[in-house]
PDB file of N, CA and C in Angstrom:
ATOM      1  N   MET A   1      70.516  82.850  58.116  1.00  0.00           N
ATOM      2  CA  MET A   1      71.045  83.604  59.236  1.00  0.00           C
ATOM      3  C   MET A   1      72.512  83.913  58.931  1.00  0.00           C
ATOM      4  N   CYS A   2      72.890  85.159  59.163  1.00  0.00           N
ATOM      5  CA  CYS A   2      74.270  85.549  58.874  1.00  0.00           C
ATOM      6  C   CYS A   2      75.215  84.996  59.947  1.00  0.00           C
ATOM      7  N   LEU A   3      76.490  84.993  59.659  1.00  0.00           N
ATOM      8  CA  LEU A   3      77.495  84.448  60.570  1.00  0.00           C
ATOM      9  C   LEU A   3      77.504  85.186  61.909  1.00  0.00           C
ATOM     10  N   ALA A   4      77.348  86.500  61.869  1.00  0.00           N
ATOM     11  CA  ALA A   4      77.337  87.274  63.116  1.00  0.00           C
ATOM     12  C   ALA A   4      76.141  86.897  63.989  1.00  0.00           C
ATOM     13  N   CYS A   5      74.994  86.661  63.376  1.00  0.00           N
ATOM     14  CA  CYS A   5      73.801  86.253  64.138  1.00  0.00           C
ATOM     15  C   CYS A   5      73.998  84.865  64.739  1.00  0.00           C
ATOM     16  N   GLU A   6      74.567  83.955  63.966  1.00  0.00           N
ATOM     17  CA  GLU A   6      74.834  82.609  64.473  1.00  0.00           C
ATOM     18  C   GLU A   6      75.795  82.667  65.655  1.00  0.00           C
ATOM     19  N   GLU A   7      76.819  83.502  65.555  1.00  0.00           N
ATOM     20  CA  GLU A   7      77.787  83.640  66.638  1.00  0.00           C
ATOM     21  C   GLU A   7      77.125  84.229  67.884  1.00  0.00           C
ATOM     22  N   GLN A   8      76.280  85.232  67.697  1.00  0.00           N
ATOM     23  CA  GLN A   8      75.569  85.851  68.823  1.00  0.00           C
ATOM     24  C   GLN A   8      74.665  84.826  69.503  1.00  0.00           C
ATOM     25  N   GLU A   9      73.953  84.024  68.729  1.00  0.00           N
ATOM     26  CA  GLU A   9      73.077  82.990  69.284  1.00  0.00           C
ATOM     27  C   GLU A   9      73.886  81.953  70.064  1.00  0.00           C
ATOM     28  N   TYR A  10      75.030  81.563  69.522  1.00  0.00           N
ATOM     29  CA  TYR A  10      75.898  80.590  70.188  1.00  0.00           C
ATOM     30  C   TYR A  10      76.364  81.115  71.545  1.00  0.00           C
ATOM     31  N   PHE A  11      76.867  82.342  71.583  1.00  0.00           N
ATOM     32  CA  PHE A  11      77.376  82.890  72.838  1.00  0.00           C
ATOM     33  C   PHE A  11      76.253  83.137  73.847  1.00  0.00           C
ATOM     34  N   PHE A  12      75.056  83.443  73.370  1.00  0.00           N
ATOM     35  CA  PHE A  12      73.926  83.595  74.274  1.00  0.00           C
ATOM     36  C   PHE A  12      73.590  82.254  74.927  1.00  0.00           C
ATOM     37  N   ARG A  13      73.635  81.171  74.137  1.00  0.00           N
ATOM     38  CA  ARG A  13      73.381  79.831  74.690  1.00  0.00           C
ATOM     39  C   ARG A  13      74.446  79.446  75.712  1.00  0.00           C
ATOM     40  N   VAL A  14      75.710  79.778  75.433  1.00  0.00           N
ATOM     41  CA  VAL A  14      76.798  79.487  76.372  1.00  0.00           C
ATOM     42  C   VAL A  14      76.599  80.280  77.653  1.00  0.00           C
ATOM     43  N   TRP A  15      76.194  81.544  77.528  1.00  0.00           N
ATOM     44  CA  TRP A  15      75.939  82.389  78.689  1.00  0.00           C
ATOM     45  C   TRP A  15      74.821  81.791  79.535  1.00  0.00           C
ATOM     46  N   CYS A  16      73.732  81.364  78.906  1.00  0.00           N
ATOM     47  CA  CYS A  16      72.611  80.743  79.629  1.00  0.00           C
ATOM     48  C   CYS A  16      73.057  79.437  80.287  1.00  0.00           C
ATOM     49  N   ALA A  17      73.847  78.641  79.586  1.00  0.00           N
ATOM     50  CA  ALA A  17      74.300  77.355  80.125  1.00  0.00           C
ATOM     51  C   ALA A  17      75.112  77.543  81.395  1.00  0.00           C
ATOM     52  N   GLY A  18      75.872  78.617  81.498  1.00  0.00           N
ATOM     53  CA  GLY A  18      76.636  78.887  82.712  1.00  0.00           C
ATOM     54  C   GLY A  18      75.735  79.086  83.921  1.00  0.00           C
ATOM     55  N   PHE A  19      74.660  79.822  83.748  1.00  0.00           N
ATOM     56  CA  PHE A  19      73.707  80.021  84.840  1.00  0.00           C
ATOM     57  C   PHE A  19      73.019  78.712  85.201  1.00  0.00           C
ATOM     58  N   ILE A  20      72.592  77.970  84.194  1.00  0.00           N
ATOM     59  CA  ILE A  20      71.882  76.713  84.441  1.00  0.00           C
ATOM     60  C   ILE A  20      72.788  75.720  85.158  1.00  0.00           C
ATOM     61  N   ALA A  21      74.058  75.688  84.808  1.00  0.00           N
ATOM     62  CA  ALA A  21      75.005  74.785  85.463  1.00  0.00           C
ATOM     63  C   ALA A  21      75.150  75.110  86.945  1.00  0.00           C
ATOM     64  N   ARG A  22      74.972  76.385  87.300  1.00  0.00           N
ATOM     65  CA  ARG A  22      75.040  76.786  88.709  1.00  0.00           C
ATOM     66  C   ARG A  22      73.693  76.660  89.402  1.00  0.00           C
ATOM     67  N   GLY A  23      72.667  76.219  88.659  1.00  0.00           N
ATOM     68  CA  GLY A  23      71.340  76.065  89.235  1.00  0.00           C
ATOM     69  C   GLY A  23      70.585  77.371  89.346  1.00  0.00           C
ATOM     70  N   GLU A  24      70.958  78.350  88.548  1.00  0.00           N
ATOM     71  CA  GLU A  24      70.327  79.669  88.581  1.00  0.00           C
ATOM     72  C   GLU A  24      69.552  79.905  87.295  1.00  0.00           C
ATOM     73  N   MET A  25      68.570  80.773  87.369  1.00  0.00           N
ATOM     74  CA  MET A  25      67.812  81.179  86.189  1.00  0.00           C
ATOM     75  C   MET A  25      68.530  82.375  85.573  1.00  0.00           C
ATOM     76  N   PRO A  26      68.872  82.325  84.278  1.00  0.00           N
ATOM     77  CA  PRO A  26      69.530  83.477  83.648  1.00  0.00           C
ATOM     78  C   PRO A  26      68.622  84.708  83.715  1.00  0.00           C
ATOM     79  N   PRO A  27      69.159  85.875  84.078  1.00  0.00           N
ATOM     80  CA  PRO A  27      68.329  87.078  84.159  1.00  0.00           C
ATOM     81  C   PRO A  27      67.757  87.451  82.794  1.00  0.00           C
ATOM     82  N   GLY A  28      66.481  87.794  82.789  1.00  0.00           N
ATOM     83  CA  GLY A  28      65.826  88.220  81.559  1.00  0.00           C
ATOM     84  C   GLY A  28      65.382  87.086  80.661  1.00  0.00           C
ATOM     85  N   VAL A  29      65.543  85.842  81.092  1.00  0.00           N
ATOM     86  CA  VAL A  29      65.169  84.686  80.283  1.00  0.00           C
ATOM     87  C   VAL A  29      64.022  83.968  80.991  1.00  0.00           C
ATOM     88  N   THR A  30      62.963  83.646  80.259  1.00  0.00           N
ATOM     89  CA  THR A  30      61.812  82.962  80.839  1.00  0.00           C
ATOM     90  C   THR A  30      61.977  81.452  80.723  1.00  0.00           C
ATOM     91  N   PRO A  31      61.240  80.692  81.517  1.00  0.00           N
ATOM     92  CA  PRO A  31      61.279  79.229  81.369  1.00  0.00           C
ATOM     93  C   PRO A  31      60.887  78.771  79.957  1.00  0.00           C
ATOM     94  N   GLU A  32      59.986  79.521  79.327  1.00  0.00           N
ATOM     95  CA  GLU A  32      59.597  79.187  77.950  1.00  0.00           C
ATOM     96  C   GLU A  32      60.760  79.390  76.980  1.00  0.00           C
ATOM     97  N   ASP A  33      61.572  80.431  77.217  1.00  0.00           N
ATOM     98  CA  ASP A  33      62.757  80.673  76.383  1.00  0.00           C
ATOM     99  C   ASP A  33      63.746  79.517  76.505  1.00  0.00           C
ATOM    100  N   LEU A  34      63.954  79.050  77.751  1.00  0.00           N
ATOM    101  CA  LEU A  34      64.877  77.929  77.972  1.00  0.00           C
ATOM    102  C   LEU A  34      64.377  76.670  77.271  1.00  0.00           C
ATOM    103  N   ALA A  35      63.085  76.417  77.374  1.00  0.00           N
ATOM    104  CA  ALA A  35      62.519  75.235  76.722  1.00  0.00           C
ATOM    105  C   ALA A  35      62.671  75.330  75.205  1.00  0.00           C
ATOM    106  N   ALA A  36      62.495  76.523  74.647  1.00  0.00           N
ATOM    107  CA  ALA A  36      62.639  76.715  73.204  1.00  0.00           C
ATOM    108  C   ALA A  36      64.072  76.476  72.744  1.00  0.00           C
ATOM    109  N   MET A  37      65.052  76.745  73.630  1.00  0.00           N
ATOM    110  CA  MET A  37      66.452  76.511  73.289  1.00  0.00           C
ATOM    111  C   MET A  37      66.880  75.077  73.585  1.00  0.00           C
ATOM    112  N   GLY A  38      65.993  74.282  74.200  1.00  0.00           N
ATOM    113  CA  GLY A  38      66.320  72.894  74.493  1.00  0.00           C
ATOM    114  C   GLY A  38      66.971  72.669  75.840  1.00  0.00           C
ATOM    115  N   PHE A  39      66.949  73.676  76.714  1.00  0.00           N
ATOM    116  CA  PHE A  39      67.523  73.544  78.053  1.00  0.00           C
ATOM    117  C   PHE A  39      66.464  73.066  79.036  1.00  0.00           C
ATOM    118  N   GLU A  40      66.904  72.344  80.071  1.00  0.00           N
ATOM    119  CA  GLU A  40      66.033  72.041  81.194  1.00  0.00           C
ATOM    120  C   GLU A  40      66.018  73.247  82.103  1.00  0.00           C
ATOM    121  N   LEU A  41      64.999  73.325  82.955  1.00  0.00           N
ATOM    122  CA  LEU A  41      64.971  74.401  83.941  1.00  0.00           C
ATOM    123  C   LEU A  41      66.070  74.166  84.964  1.00  0.00           C
ATOM    124  N   PRO A  42      66.620  75.241  85.538  1.00  0.00           N
ATOM    125  CA  PRO A  42      67.643  75.078  86.565  1.00  0.00           C
ATOM    126  C   PRO A  42      67.095  74.305  87.767  1.00  0.00           C
ATOM    127  N   ALA A  43      67.990  73.742  88.558  1.00  0.00           N
ATOM    128  CA  ALA A  43      67.595  72.939  89.718  1.00  0.00           C
ATOM    129  C   ALA A  43      66.694  73.730  90.658  1.00  0.00           C
ATOM    130  N   ALA A  44      66.945  74.997  90.839  1.00  0.00           N
ATOM    131  CA  ALA A  44      66.120  75.817  91.733  1.00  0.00           C
ATOM    132  C   ALA A  44      64.689  75.919  91.224  1.00  0.00           C
ATOM    133  N   MET A  45      64.511  75.913  89.915  1.00  0.00           N
ATOM    134  CA  MET A  45      63.173  76.021  89.347  1.00  0.00           C
ATOM    135  C   MET A  45      62.431  74.686  89.405  1.00  0.00           C
ATOM    136  N   ARG A  46      63.154  73.578  89.496  1.00  0.00           N
ATOM    137  CA  ARG A  46      62.523  72.262  89.554  1.00  0.00           C
ATOM    138  C   ARG A  46      62.269  71.815  90.986  1.00  0.00           C
ATOM    139  N   GLY A  47      62.587  72.664  91.968  1.00  0.00           N
ATOM    140  CA  GLY A  47      62.339  72.335  93.357  1.00  0.00           C
ATOM    141  C   GLY A  47      63.482  71.600  94.033  1.00  0.00           C
ATOM    142  N   LYS A  48      64.620  71.479  93.383  1.00  0.00           N
ATOM    143  CA  LYS A  48      65.784  70.842  93.984  1.00  0.00           C
ATOM    144  C   LYS A  48      66.628  71.890  94.686  1.00  0.00           C
ATOM    145  N   ASP A  49      67.517  71.429  95.567  1.00  0.00           N
ATOM    146  CA  ASP A  49      68.413  72.355  96.252  1.00  0.00           C
ATOM    147  C   ASP A  49      69.354  73.016  95.266  1.00  0.00           C
ATOM    148  N   LYS A  50      69.600  74.302  95.475  1.00  0.00           N
ATOM    149  CA  LYS A  50      70.498  75.071  94.616  1.00  0.00           C
ATOM    150  C   LYS A  50      71.934  74.896  95.119  1.00  0.00           C
ATOM    151  N   PRO A  51      72.881  74.613  94.220  1.00  0.00           N
ATOM    152  CA  PRO A  51      74.271  74.482  94.657  1.00  0.00           C
ATOM    153  C   PRO A  51      74.826  75.819  95.136  1.00  0.00           C
ATOM    154  N   GLU A  52      75.846  75.743  95.965  1.00  0.00           N
ATOM    155  CA  GLU A  52      76.499  76.961  96.453  1.00  0.00           C
ATOM    156  C   GLU A  52      77.100  77.719  95.271  1.00  0.00           C
ATOM    157  N   SER A  53      76.946  79.031  95.266  1.00  0.00           N
ATOM    158  CA  SER A  53      77.495  79.836  94.177  1.00  0.00           C
ATOM    159  C   SER A  53      78.438  80.884  94.753  1.00  0.00           C
ATOM    160  N   PRO A  54      79.422  81.327  93.976  1.00  0.00           N
ATOM    161  CA  PRO A  54      80.328  82.372  94.450  1.00  0.00           C
ATOM    162  C   PRO A  54      79.573  83.686  94.655  1.00  0.00           C
ATOM    163  N   ALA A  55      80.151  84.568  95.444  1.00  0.00           N
ATOM    164  CA  ALA A  55      79.504  85.835  95.797  1.00  0.00           C
ATOM    165  C   ALA A  55      79.658  86.898  94.714  1.00  0.00           C
ATOM    166  N   THR A  56      80.370  86.613  93.645  1.00  0.00           N
ATOM    167  CA  THR A  56      80.557  87.616  92.595  1.00  0.00           C
ATOM    168  C   THR A  56      79.301  87.745  91.748  1.00  0.00           C
ATOM    169  N   PRO A  57      78.887  88.950  91.404  1.00  0.00           N
ATOM    170  CA  PRO A  57      77.695  89.122  90.574  1.00  0.00           C
ATOM    171  C   PRO A  57      77.966  88.691  89.138  1.00  0.00           C
ATOM    172  N   ALA A  58      76.927  88.232  88.488  1.00  0.00           N
ATOM    173  CA  ALA A  58      77.049  87.780  87.100  1.00  0.00           C
ATOM    174  C   ALA A  58      77.063  88.979  86.156  1.00  0.00           C
ATOM    175  N   ALA A  59      77.758  88.820  85.059  1.00  0.00           N
ATOM    176  CA  ALA A  59      77.836  89.888  84.059  1.00  0.00           C
ATOM    177  C   ALA A  59      76.545  89.923  83.245  1.00  0.00           C
ATOM    178  N   ALA A  60      76.158  91.081  82.822  1.00  0.00           N
ATOM    179  CA  ALA A  60      74.968  91.237  81.990  1.00  0.00           C
ATOM    180  C   ALA A  60      75.259  90.723  80.578  1.00  0.00           C
ATOM    181  N   PRO A  61      74.271  90.162  79.896  1.00  0.00           N
ATOM    182  CA  PRO A  61      74.501  89.660  78.547  1.00  0.00           C
ATOM    183  C   PRO A  61      74.727  90.803  77.562  1.00  0.00           C
ATOM    184  N   ALA A  62      75.475  90.506  76.547  1.00  0.00           N
ATOM    185  CA  ALA A  62      75.742  91.503  75.514  1.00  0.00           C
ATOM    186  C   ALA A  62      74.710  91.328  74.411  1.00  0.00           C
ATOM    187  N   ASP A  63      73.494  91.795  74.656  1.00  0.00           N
ATOM    188  CA  ASP A  63      72.419  91.584  73.701  1.00  0.00           C
ATOM    189  C   ASP A  63      72.126  92.830  72.863  1.00  0.00           C
ATOM    190  N   ALA A  64      73.108  93.682  72.710  1.00  0.00           N
ATOM    191  CA  ALA A  64      72.912  94.913  71.969  1.00  0.00           C
ATOM    192  C   ALA A  64      73.062  94.718  70.459  1.00  0.00           C
ATOM    193  N   PHE A  65      73.468  93.533  70.019  1.00  0.00           N
ATOM    194  CA  PHE A  65      73.689  93.295  68.592  1.00  0.00           C
ATOM    195  C   PHE A  65      72.368  93.193  67.843  1.00  0.00           C
ATOM    196  N   VAL A  66      72.267  93.855  66.710  1.00  0.00           N
ATOM    197  CA  VAL A  66      71.111  93.754  65.828  1.00  0.00           C
ATOM    198  C   VAL A  66      71.630  93.451  64.441  1.00  0.00           C
ATOM    199  N   CYS A  67      71.107  92.414  63.831  1.00  0.00           N
ATOM    200  CA  CYS A  67      71.554  92.013  62.495  1.00  0.00           C
ATOM    201  C   CYS A  67      71.075  93.014  61.457  1.00  0.00           C
ATOM    202  N   ASP A  68      71.993  93.488  60.632  1.00  0.00           N
ATOM    203  CA  ASP A  68      71.617  94.388  59.537  1.00  0.00           C
ATOM    204  C   ASP A  68      71.942  93.728  58.198  1.00  0.00           C
ATOM    205  N   SER A  69      71.847  92.410  58.183  1.00  0.00           N
ATOM    206  CA  SER A  69      72.109  91.644  56.978  1.00  0.00           C
ATOM    207  C   SER A  69      71.110  92.039  55.885  1.00  0.00           C
ATOM    208  N   PRO A  70      71.562  92.168  54.645  1.00  0.00           N
ATOM    209  CA  PRO A  70      70.666  92.568  53.583  1.00  0.00           C
ATOM    210  C   PRO A  70      69.566  91.541  53.285  1.00  0.00           C
ATOM    211  N   ASP A  71      69.769  90.280  53.660  1.00  0.00           N
ATOM    212  CA  ASP A  71      68.738  89.284  53.389  1.00  0.00           C
ATOM    213  C   ASP A  71      67.621  89.304  54.431  1.00  0.00           C
ATOM    214  N   GLY A  72      67.785  90.075  55.506  1.00  0.00           N
ATOM    215  CA  GLY A  72      66.740  90.260  56.497  1.00  0.00           C
ATOM    216  C   GLY A  72      66.513  89.105  57.426  1.00  0.00           C
ATOM    217  N   GLU A  73      67.398  88.143  57.466  1.00  0.00           N
ATOM    218  CA  GLU A  73      67.205  86.999  58.348  1.00  0.00           C
ATOM    219  C   GLU A  73      68.088  87.095  59.548  1.00  0.00           C
TER     220      GLU A  73
END
């Protein structure tokens, strides 16, 4: 995996962790995706009370990056 891909994966995990910390499900991410990344489901998905969250909308992920590494990984 190229350095740019590793960096993109890292920031995607950080972005998901922010939602999970607030007890929210990251938009566009399935419970299976979270399990594959090693995250637990957010509190709201496990049937626990959801913590209070600010009224500001969350930013969309920057998932427009596509690796064009010559090794194809």
